PDB file of N, CA and C in Angstrom:
ATOM      1  N   UNK A   1     -66.683  87.210 -42.657  1.00  0.00           N
ATOM      2  CA  UNK A   1     -68.425  86.677 -42.156  1.00  0.00           C
ATOM      3  C   UNK A   1     -68.361  86.616 -40.658  1.00  0.00           C
ATOM      4  N   UNK A   2     -69.708  87.295 -40.005  1.00  0.00           N
ATOM      5  CA  UNK A   2     -70.493  86.839 -38.891  1.00  0.00           C
ATOM      6  C   UNK A   2     -71.244  86.862 -38.812  1.00  0.00           C
ATOM      7  N   UNK A   3     -71.995  86.390 -37.115  1.00  0.00           N
ATOM      8  CA  UNK A   3     -72.595  86.312 -36.982  1.00  0.00           C
ATOM      9  C   UNK A   3     -73.343  84.627 -37.564  1.00  0.00           C
ATOM     10  N   UNK A   4     -75.155  84.751 -37.903  1.00  0.00           N
ATOM     11  CA  UNK A   4     -75.347  83.753 -38.866  1.00  0.00           C
ATOM     12  C   UNK A   4     -74.856  84.253 -40.824  1.00  0.00           C
ATOM     13  N   UNK A   5     -75.504  82.792 -41.198  1.00  0.00           N
ATOM     14  CA  UNK A   5     -75.447  82.490 -42.002  1.00  0.00           C
ATOM     15  C   UNK A   5     -76.408  81.606 -43.033  1.00  0.00           C
ATOM     16  N   UNK A   6     -77.657  82.708 -43.438  1.00  0.00           N
ATOM     17  CA  UNK A   6     -79.031  82.132 -43.517  1.00  0.00           C
ATOM     18  C   UNK A   6     -78.984  81.861 -45.110  1.00  0.00           C
ATOM     19  N   UNK A   7     -80.346  81.920 -45.708  1.00  0.00           N
ATOM     20  CA  UNK A   7     -80.578  81.895 -46.515  1.00  0.00           C
ATOM     21  C   UNK A   7     -81.109  83.582 -47.400  1.00  0.00           C
ATOM     22  N   UNK A   8     -81.431  84.102 -46.121  1.00  0.00           N
ATOM     23  CA  UNK A   8     -80.855  85.820 -46.735  1.00  0.00           C
ATOM     24  C   UNK A   8     -80.923  86.364 -46.672  1.00  0.00           C
ATOM     25  N   UNK A   9     -78.791  85.431 -46.791  1.00  0.00           N
ATOM     26  CA  UNK A   9     -77.334  86.641 -46.960  1.00  0.00           C
ATOM     27  C   UNK A   9     -77.438  85.836 -48.415  1.00  0.00           C
ATOM     28  N   UNK A  10     -78.110  85.141 -48.965  1.00  0.00           N
ATOM     29  CA  UNK A  10     -77.563  84.684 -50.290  1.00  0.00           C
ATOM     30  C   UNK A  10     -77.268  86.172 -51.703  1.00  0.00           C
ATOM     31  N   UNK A  11     -78.167  87.261 -51.844  1.00  0.00           N
ATOM     32  CA  UNK A  11     -77.859  88.137 -52.711  1.00  0.00           C
ATOM     33  C   UNK A  11     -75.999  88.689 -52.120  1.00  0.00           C
ATOM     34  N   UNK A  12     -76.726  88.963 -50.814  1.00  0.00           N
ATOM     35  CA  UNK A  12     -75.000  89.087 -49.962  1.00  0.00           C
ATOM     36  C   UNK A  12     -73.785  88.913 -51.136  1.00  0.00           C
ATOM     37  N   UNK A  13     -73.963  87.318 -50.118  1.00  0.00           N
ATOM     38  CA  UNK A  13     -72.520  85.974 -50.600  1.00  0.00           C
ATOM     39  C   UNK A  13     -72.993  85.794 -51.625  1.00  0.00           C
ATOM     40  N   UNK A  14     -73.700  85.823 -52.595  1.00  0.00           N
ATOM     41  CA  UNK A  14     -73.323  85.569 -54.684  1.00  0.00           C
ATOM     42  C   UNK A  14     -72.250  87.087 -54.927  1.00  0.00           C
ATOM     43  N   UNK A  15     -73.145  88.616 -54.373  1.00  0.00           N
ATOM     44  CA  UNK A  15     -72.125  89.543 -54.900  1.00  0.00           C
ATOM     45  C   UNK A  15     -70.641  88.923 -54.538  1.00  0.00           C
ATOM     46  N   UNK A  16     -70.964  88.786 -53.359  1.00  0.00           N
ATOM     47  CA  UNK A  16     -69.269  89.208 -53.066  1.00  0.00           C
ATOM     48  C   UNK A  16     -67.936  88.043 -53.652  1.00  0.00           C
ATOM     49  N   UNK A  17     -68.882  87.008 -54.305  1.00  0.00           N
ATOM     50  CA  UNK A  17     -67.902  86.107 -54.632  1.00  0.00           C
ATOM     51  C   UNK A  17     -67.776  86.942 -56.637  1.00  0.00           C
ATOM     52  N   UNK A  18     -69.435  87.274 -57.149  1.00  0.00           N
ATOM     53  CA  UNK A  18     -68.469  87.836 -58.603  1.00  0.00           C
ATOM     54  C   UNK A  18     -68.107  88.978 -58.000  1.00  0.00           C
ATOM     55  N   UNK A  19     -67.900  89.297 -56.592  1.00  0.00           N
ATOM     56  CA  UNK A  19     -66.752  90.743 -57.015  1.00  0.00           C
ATOM     57  C   UNK A  19     -65.331  90.146 -57.003  1.00  0.00           C
ATOM     58  N   UNK A  20     -64.736  89.393 -56.438  1.00  0.00           N
ATOM     59  CA  UNK A  20     -63.989  88.596 -56.017  1.00  0.00           C
ATOM     60  C   UNK A  20     -63.375  88.174 -56.927  1.00  0.00           C
ATOM     61  N   UNK A  21     -64.755  86.955 -58.053  1.00  0.00           N
ATOM     62  CA  UNK A  21     -64.481  86.754 -59.568  1.00  0.00           C
ATOM     63  C   UNK A  21     -63.639  88.584 -60.165  1.00  0.00           C
ATOM     64  N   UNK A  22     -64.751  89.014 -60.746  1.00  0.00           N
ATOM     65  CA  UNK A  22     -64.072  90.475 -61.375  1.00  0.00           C
ATOM     66  C   UNK A  22     -62.807  90.090 -61.349  1.00  0.00           C
ATOM     67  N   UNK A  23     -62.180  90.947 -59.695  1.00  0.00           N
ATOM     68  CA  UNK A  23     -61.129  91.481 -59.631  1.00  0.00           C
ATOM     69  C   UNK A  23     -59.634  89.984 -59.386  1.00  0.00           C
ATOM     70  N   UNK A  24     -60.116  89.059 -60.420  1.00  0.00           N
ATOM     71  CA  UNK A  24     -59.091  88.176 -60.377  1.00  0.00           C
ATOM     72  C   UNK A  24     -58.822  87.959 -59.726  1.00  0.00           C
ATOM     73  N   UNK A  25     -59.399  87.270 -58.585  1.00  0.00           N
ATOM     74  CA  UNK A  25     -58.695  86.061 -57.630  1.00  0.00           C
ATOM     75  C   UNK A  25     -59.074  84.880 -58.425  1.00  0.00           C
ATOM     76  N   UNK A  26     -57.823  83.849 -57.332  1.00  0.00           N
ATOM     77  CA  UNK A  26     -57.371  82.484 -58.306  1.00  0.00           C
ATOM     78  C   UNK A  26     -58.028  82.011 -56.834  1.00  0.00           C
ATOM     79  N   UNK A  27     -58.157  82.443 -56.156  1.00  0.00           N
ATOM     80  CA  UNK A  27     -58.707  81.486 -55.357  1.00  0.00           C
ATOM     81  C   UNK A  27     -59.180  82.699 -53.849  1.00  0.00           C
ATOM     82  N   UNK A  28     -60.442  82.013 -53.116  1.00  0.00           N
ATOM     83  CA  UNK A  28     -61.288  82.720 -52.181  1.00  0.00           C
ATOM     84  C   UNK A  28     -61.311  81.428 -51.272  1.00  0.00           C
ATOM     85  N   UNK A  29     -60.936  81.863 -49.763  1.00  0.00           N
ATOM     86  CA  UNK A  29     -60.646  81.426 -48.472  1.00  0.00           C
ATOM     87  C   UNK A  29     -62.090  82.324 -47.707  1.00  0.00           C
ATOM     88  N   UNK A  30     -62.583  81.757 -47.631  1.00  0.00           N
ATOM     89  CA  UNK A  30     -64.031  82.558 -47.061  1.00  0.00           C
ATOM     90  C   UNK A  30     -63.540  81.406 -45.421  1.00  0.00           C
ATOM     91  N   UNK A  31     -63.026  82.852 -44.106  1.00  0.00           N
ATOM     92  CA  UNK A  31     -62.891  82.679 -42.794  1.00  0.00           C
ATOM     93  C   UNK A  31     -63.674  82.203 -42.272  1.00  0.00           C
ATOM     94  N   UNK A  32     -64.942  81.649 -41.605  1.00  0.00           N
ATOM     95  CA  UNK A  32     -66.210  81.277 -40.611  1.00  0.00           C
ATOM     96  C   UNK A  32     -65.748  81.777 -39.450  1.00  0.00           C
ATOM     97  N   UNK A  33     -64.818  81.758 -39.219  1.00  0.00           N
ATOM     98  CA  UNK A  33     -64.647  82.464 -37.372  1.00  0.00           C
ATOM     99  C   UNK A  33     -65.575  83.081 -36.567  1.00  0.00           C
ATOM    100  N   UNK A  34     -66.114  83.422 -37.305  1.00  0.00           N
ATOM    101  CA  UNK A  34     -66.999  84.992 -36.696  1.00  0.00           C
ATOM    102  C   UNK A  34     -68.717  84.285 -36.804  1.00  0.00           C
ATOM    103  N   UNK A  35     -68.737  83.027 -37.700  1.00  0.00           N
ATOM    104  CA  UNK A  35     -69.821  82.754 -38.074  1.00  0.00           C
ATOM    105  C   UNK A  35     -70.466  81.607 -36.739  1.00  0.00           C
ATOM    106  N   UNK A  36     -71.251  82.273 -36.042  1.00  0.00           N
ATOM    107  CA  UNK A  36     -71.650  80.957 -35.137  1.00  0.00           C
ATOM    108  C   UNK A  36     -73.222  80.088 -35.409  1.00  0.00           C
ATOM    109  N   UNK A  37     -73.548  80.752 -36.559  1.00  0.00           N
ATOM    110  CA  UNK A  37     -75.037  79.005 -37.086  1.00  0.00           C
ATOM    111  C   UNK A  37     -74.794  79.184 -38.665  1.00  0.00           C
ATOM    112  N   UNK A  38     -75.622  78.604 -39.310  1.00  0.00           N
ATOM    113  CA  UNK A  38     -75.254  77.712 -40.731  1.00  0.00           C
ATOM    114  C   UNK A  38     -76.529  76.688 -41.171  1.00  0.00           C
ATOM    115  N   UNK A  39     -77.668  77.885 -41.498  1.00  0.00           N
ATOM    116  CA  UNK A  39     -78.438  76.424 -42.248  1.00  0.00           C
ATOM    117  C   UNK A  39     -78.476  75.855 -43.553  1.00  0.00           C
ATOM    118  N   UNK A  40     -79.333  75.191 -43.558  1.00  0.00           N
ATOM    119  CA  UNK A  40     -79.248  74.105 -45.254  1.00  0.00           C
ATOM    120  C   UNK A  40     -79.254  75.565 -46.171  1.00  0.00           C
ATOM    121  N   UNK A  41     -79.450  76.248 -46.320  1.00  0.00           N
ATOM    122  CA  UNK A  41     -78.855  77.101 -47.492  1.00  0.00           C
ATOM    123  C   UNK A  41     -77.586  77.889 -47.444  1.00  0.00           C
ATOM    124  N   UNK A  42     -77.728  78.079 -46.207  1.00  0.00           N
ATOM    125  CA  UNK A  42     -76.308  78.348 -46.377  1.00  0.00           C
ATOM    126  C   UNK A  42     -74.632  77.709 -46.585  1.00  0.00           C
ATOM    127  N   UNK A  43     -75.259  76.000 -46.733  1.00  0.00           N
ATOM    128  CA  UNK A  43     -74.153  74.765 -46.660  1.00  0.00           C
ATOM    129  C   UNK A  43     -74.183  74.580 -48.565  1.00  0.00           C
ATOM    130  N   UNK A  44     -75.893  74.947 -48.648  1.00  0.00           N
ATOM    131  CA  UNK A  44     -76.215  75.393 -49.605  1.00  0.00           C
ATOM    132  C   UNK A  44     -75.060  75.882 -50.921  1.00  0.00           C
ATOM    133  N   UNK A  45     -75.229  76.857 -50.907  1.00  0.00           N
ATOM    134  CA  UNK A  45     -74.374  78.443 -51.090  1.00  0.00           C
ATOM    135  C   UNK A  45     -73.466  78.464 -50.911  1.00  0.00           C
ATOM    136  N   UNK A  46     -72.000  77.615 -50.249  1.00  0.00           N
ATOM    137  CA  UNK A  46     -71.020  77.038 -50.252  1.00  0.00           C
ATOM    138  C   UNK A  46     -70.979  75.343 -51.550  1.00  0.00           C
ATOM    139  N   UNK A  47     -72.319  74.861 -51.386  1.00  0.00           N
ATOM    140  CA  UNK A  47     -72.145  74.207 -52.788  1.00  0.00           C
ATOM    141  C   UNK A  47     -71.894  74.483 -53.538  1.00  0.00           C
ATOM    142  N   UNK A  48     -73.039  75.770 -54.212  1.00  0.00           N
ATOM    143  CA  UNK A  48     -72.904  76.287 -55.781  1.00  0.00           C
ATOM    144  C   UNK A  48     -71.578  76.855 -56.372  1.00  0.00           C
ATOM    145  N   UNK A  49     -71.159  77.924 -54.810  1.00  0.00           N
ATOM    146  CA  UNK A  49     -69.464  78.419 -54.442  1.00  0.00           C
ATOM    147  C   UNK A  49     -68.681  77.559 -55.196  1.00  0.00           C
ATOM    148  N   UNK A  50     -68.480  75.960 -55.095  1.00  0.00           N
ATOM    149  CA  UNK A  50     -67.426  75.284 -55.058  1.00  0.00           C
ATOM    150  C   UNK A  50     -67.181  74.779 -56.330  1.00  0.00           C
ATOM    151  N   UNK A  51     -68.527  74.379 -56.785  1.00  0.00           N
ATOM    152  CA  UNK A  51     -68.969  74.081 -57.573  1.00  0.00           C
ATOM    153  C   UNK A  51     -68.984  75.505 -59.329  1.00  0.00           C
ATOM    154  N   UNK A  52     -69.512  76.500 -58.962  1.00  0.00           N
ATOM    155  CA  UNK A  52     -68.766  77.093 -59.652  1.00  0.00           C
ATOM    156  C   UNK A  52     -67.296  77.794 -60.267  1.00  0.00           C
ATOM    157  N   UNK A  53     -66.277  77.423 -58.965  1.00  0.00           N
ATOM    158  CA  UNK A  53     -64.790  77.576 -59.359  1.00  0.00           C
ATOM    159  C   UNK A  53     -64.329  76.802 -59.647  1.00  0.00           C
ATOM    160  N   UNK A  54     -64.535  74.944 -59.944  1.00  0.00           N
ATOM    161  CA  UNK A  54     -64.135  74.002 -60.816  1.00  0.00           C
ATOM    162  C   UNK A  54     -64.666  74.228 -61.989  1.00  0.00           C
ATOM    163  N   UNK A  55     -65.692  75.179 -62.358  1.00  0.00           N
ATOM    164  CA  UNK A  55     -66.207  75.489 -63.863  1.00  0.00           C
ATOM    165  C   UNK A  55     -65.490  76.464 -64.355  1.00  0.00           C
ATOM    166  N   UNK A  56     -65.186  77.961 -63.435  1.00  0.00           N
ATOM    167  CA  UNK A  56     -64.272  79.012 -63.359  1.00  0.00           C
ATOM    168  C   UNK A  56     -63.350  78.539 -63.352  1.00  0.00           C
ATOM    169  N   UNK A  57     -62.299  78.064 -62.713  1.00  0.00           N
ATOM    170  CA  UNK A  57     -61.122  77.764 -62.347  1.00  0.00           C
ATOM    171  C   UNK A  57     -60.211  78.408 -61.301  1.00  0.00           C
ATOM    172  N   UNK A  58     -61.542  78.956 -60.791  1.00  0.00           N
ATOM    173  CA  UNK A  58     -60.348  79.177 -59.278  1.00  0.00           C
ATOM    174  C   UNK A  58     -60.889  78.402 -57.681  1.00  0.00           C
ATOM    175  N   UNK A  59     -60.301  78.296 -57.002  1.00  0.00           N
ATOM    176  CA  UNK A  59     -60.291  77.245 -56.327  1.00  0.00           C
ATOM    177  C   UNK A  59     -61.153  78.569 -54.906  1.00  0.00           C
ATOM    178  N   UNK A  60     -61.460  77.203 -54.106  1.00  0.00           N
ATOM    179  CA  UNK A  60     -63.091  77.878 -53.236  1.00  0.00           C
ATOM    180  C   UNK A  60     -62.361  77.094 -52.119  1.00  0.00           C
ATOM    181  N   UNK A  61     -62.560  77.511 -50.566  1.00  0.00           N
ATOM    182  CA  UNK A  61     -62.212  76.722 -49.541  1.00  0.00           C
ATOM    183  C   UNK A  61     -63.553  77.510 -48.328  1.00  0.00           C
ATOM    184  N   UNK A  62     -62.889  76.929 -46.919  1.00  0.00           N
ATOM    185  CA  UNK A  62     -63.121  77.615 -45.440  1.00  0.00           C
ATOM    186  C   UNK A  62     -62.670  78.073 -44.731  1.00  0.00           C
ATOM    187  N   UNK A  63     -62.478  78.154 -43.531  1.00  0.00           N
ATOM    188  CA  UNK A  63     -61.697  78.272 -42.863  1.00  0.00           C
ATOM    189  C   UNK A  63     -62.199  78.349 -41.733  1.00  0.00           C
ATOM    190  N   UNK A  64     -61.107  77.956 -40.352  1.00  0.00           N
ATOM    191  CA  UNK A  64     -61.583  77.828 -39.292  1.00  0.00           C
ATOM    192  C   UNK A  64     -63.174  77.976 -38.943  1.00  0.00           C
ATOM    193  N   UNK A  65     -63.653  77.147 -38.847  1.00  0.00           N
ATOM    194  CA  UNK A  65     -65.182  77.161 -38.253  1.00  0.00           C
ATOM    195  C   UNK A  65     -65.459  76.240 -36.964  1.00  0.00           C
ATOM    196  N   UNK A  66     -66.444  77.219 -36.210  1.00  0.00           N
ATOM    197  CA  UNK A  66     -66.442  77.194 -35.547  1.00  0.00           C
ATOM    198  C   UNK A  66     -67.631  75.522 -34.598  1.00  0.00           C
ATOM    199  N   UNK A  67     -66.807  75.213 -33.464  1.00  0.00           N
ATOM    200  CA  UNK A  67     -67.527  73.599 -33.666  1.00  0.00           C
ATOM    201  C   UNK A  67     -68.729  73.357 -33.896  1.00  0.00           C
ATOM    202  N   UNK A  68     -69.963  74.554 -32.532  1.00  0.00           N
ATOM    203  CA  UNK A  68     -71.495  74.538 -34.169  1.00  0.00           C
ATOM    204  C   UNK A  68     -71.609  73.748 -35.573  1.00  0.00           C
ATOM    205  N   UNK A  69     -70.810  75.030 -36.755  1.00  0.00           N
ATOM    206  CA  UNK A  69     -71.169  75.255 -37.408  1.00  0.00           C
ATOM    207  C   UNK A  69     -70.258  74.045 -38.651  1.00  0.00           C
ATOM    208  N   UNK A  70     -69.256  73.307 -37.938  1.00  0.00           N
ATOM    209  CA  UNK A  70     -68.117  72.002 -37.643  1.00  0.00           C
ATOM    210  C   UNK A  70     -69.275  71.046 -37.610  1.00  0.00           C
ATOM    211  N   UNK A  71     -70.225  70.856 -37.179  1.00  0.00           N
ATOM    212  CA  UNK A  71     -71.194  69.778 -36.563  1.00  0.00           C
ATOM    213  C   UNK A  71     -71.980  70.030 -37.429  1.00  0.00           C
ATOM    214  N   UNK A  72     -72.115  71.172 -37.990  1.00  0.00           N
ATOM    215  CA  UNK A  72     -73.204  70.914 -39.922  1.00  0.00           C
ATOM    216  C   UNK A  72     -72.651  70.453 -40.519  1.00  0.00           C
ATOM    217  N   UNK A  73     -71.327  70.581 -40.814  1.00  0.00           N
ATOM    218  CA  UNK A  73     -70.660  70.617 -42.174  1.00  0.00           C
ATOM    219  C   UNK A  73     -70.532  69.466 -42.174  1.00  0.00           C
ATOM    220  N   UNK A  74     -70.379  68.076 -40.784  1.00  0.00           N
ATOM    221  CA  UNK A  74     -70.078  66.777 -40.949  1.00  0.00           C
ATOM    222  C   UNK A  74     -71.449  66.096 -40.912  1.00  0.00           C
ATOM    223  N   UNK A  75     -72.754  66.511 -40.450  1.00  0.00           N
ATOM    224  CA  UNK A  75     -73.718  66.342 -41.283  1.00  0.00           C
ATOM    225  C   UNK A  75     -74.076  65.852 -42.129  1.00  0.00           C
ATOM    226  N   UNK A  76     -73.646  67.506 -43.112  1.00  0.00           N
ATOM    227  CA  UNK A  76     -74.070  67.253 -44.650  1.00  0.00           C
ATOM    228  C   UNK A  76     -72.588  67.108 -45.477  1.00  0.00           C
ATOM    229  N   UNK A  77     -71.619  66.349 -44.655  1.00  0.00           N
ATOM    230  CA  UNK A  77     -70.761  65.586 -45.129  1.00  0.00           C
ATOM    231  C   UNK A  77     -69.679  66.967 -46.282  1.00  0.00           C
ATOM    232  N   UNK A  78     -70.293  68.130 -46.333  1.00  0.00           N
ATOM    233  CA  UNK A  78     -69.265  68.706 -46.729  1.00  0.00           C
ATOM    234  C   UNK A  78     -67.786  68.746 -46.353  1.00  0.00           C
ATOM    235  N   UNK A  79     -67.374  68.318 -46.042  1.00  0.00           N
ATOM    236  CA  UNK A  79     -65.995  68.392 -46.153  1.00  0.00           C
ATOM    237  C   UNK A  79     -65.476  67.567 -46.829  1.00  0.00           C
ATOM    238  N   UNK A  80     -66.376  66.247 -47.715  1.00  0.00           N
ATOM    239  CA  UNK A  80     -65.913  65.046 -48.570  1.00  0.00           C
ATOM    240  C   UNK A  80     -65.582  66.248 -50.011  1.00  0.00           C
ATOM    241  N   UNK A  81     -66.384  67.536 -50.096  1.00  0.00           N
ATOM    242  CA  UNK A  81     -66.768  68.027 -51.210  1.00  0.00           C
ATOM    243  C   UNK A  81     -66.680  69.647 -51.119  1.00  0.00           C
ATOM    244  N   UNK A  82     -66.806  70.382 -50.404  1.00  0.00           N
ATOM    245  CA  UNK A  82     -65.636  71.606 -50.147  1.00  0.00           C
ATOM    246  C   UNK A  82     -64.260  71.545 -49.332  1.00  0.00           C
ATOM    247  N   UNK A  83     -63.031  71.971 -49.818  1.00  0.00           N
ATOM    248  CA  UNK A  83     -61.674  71.962 -49.056  1.00  0.00           C
ATOM    249  C   UNK A  83     -61.822  72.863 -47.240  1.00  0.00           C
ATOM    250  N   UNK A  84     -62.273  72.283 -46.464  1.00  0.00           N
ATOM    251  CA  UNK A  84     -62.135  73.016 -45.081  1.00  0.00           C
ATOM    252  C   UNK A  84     -61.433  73.020 -44.141  1.00  0.00           C
ATOM    253  N   UNK A  85     -60.565  74.662 -44.009  1.00  0.00           N
ATOM    254  CA  UNK A  85     -59.422  74.459 -43.248  1.00  0.00           C
ATOM    255  C   UNK A  85     -58.568  75.168 -42.200  1.00  0.00           C
ATOM    256  N   UNK A  86     -58.743  74.235 -40.940  1.00  0.00           N
ATOM    257  CA  UNK A  86     -58.221  74.665 -39.796  1.00  0.00           C
ATOM    258  C   UNK A  86     -56.537  75.423 -39.221  1.00  0.00           C
ATOM    259  N   UNK A  87     -56.322  76.546 -38.806  1.00  0.00           N
ATOM    260  CA  UNK A  87     -55.801  76.361 -38.872  1.00  0.00           C
ATOM    261  C   UNK A  87     -55.406  76.033 -37.069  1.00  0.00           C
TER     262      UNK A  87
END
């Protein structure tokens, strides 16, 4: 993922998750190192993916958020719900 992650990315994000699950992936980790901005809809998409992972028996996590994106996660308390991995 790169650039901005906003409401307009919802169909692409959903399709990406669907394709990974169809291949039998047991874990999906999104690297956000190149994501510069995320809006509330983007945060919501991560919550939906995390909820879906629990329902379907696979793991969802986020890695390497930039400082600005990490601040959004902190404000939304996303790190208390979705695993966030930093290298």
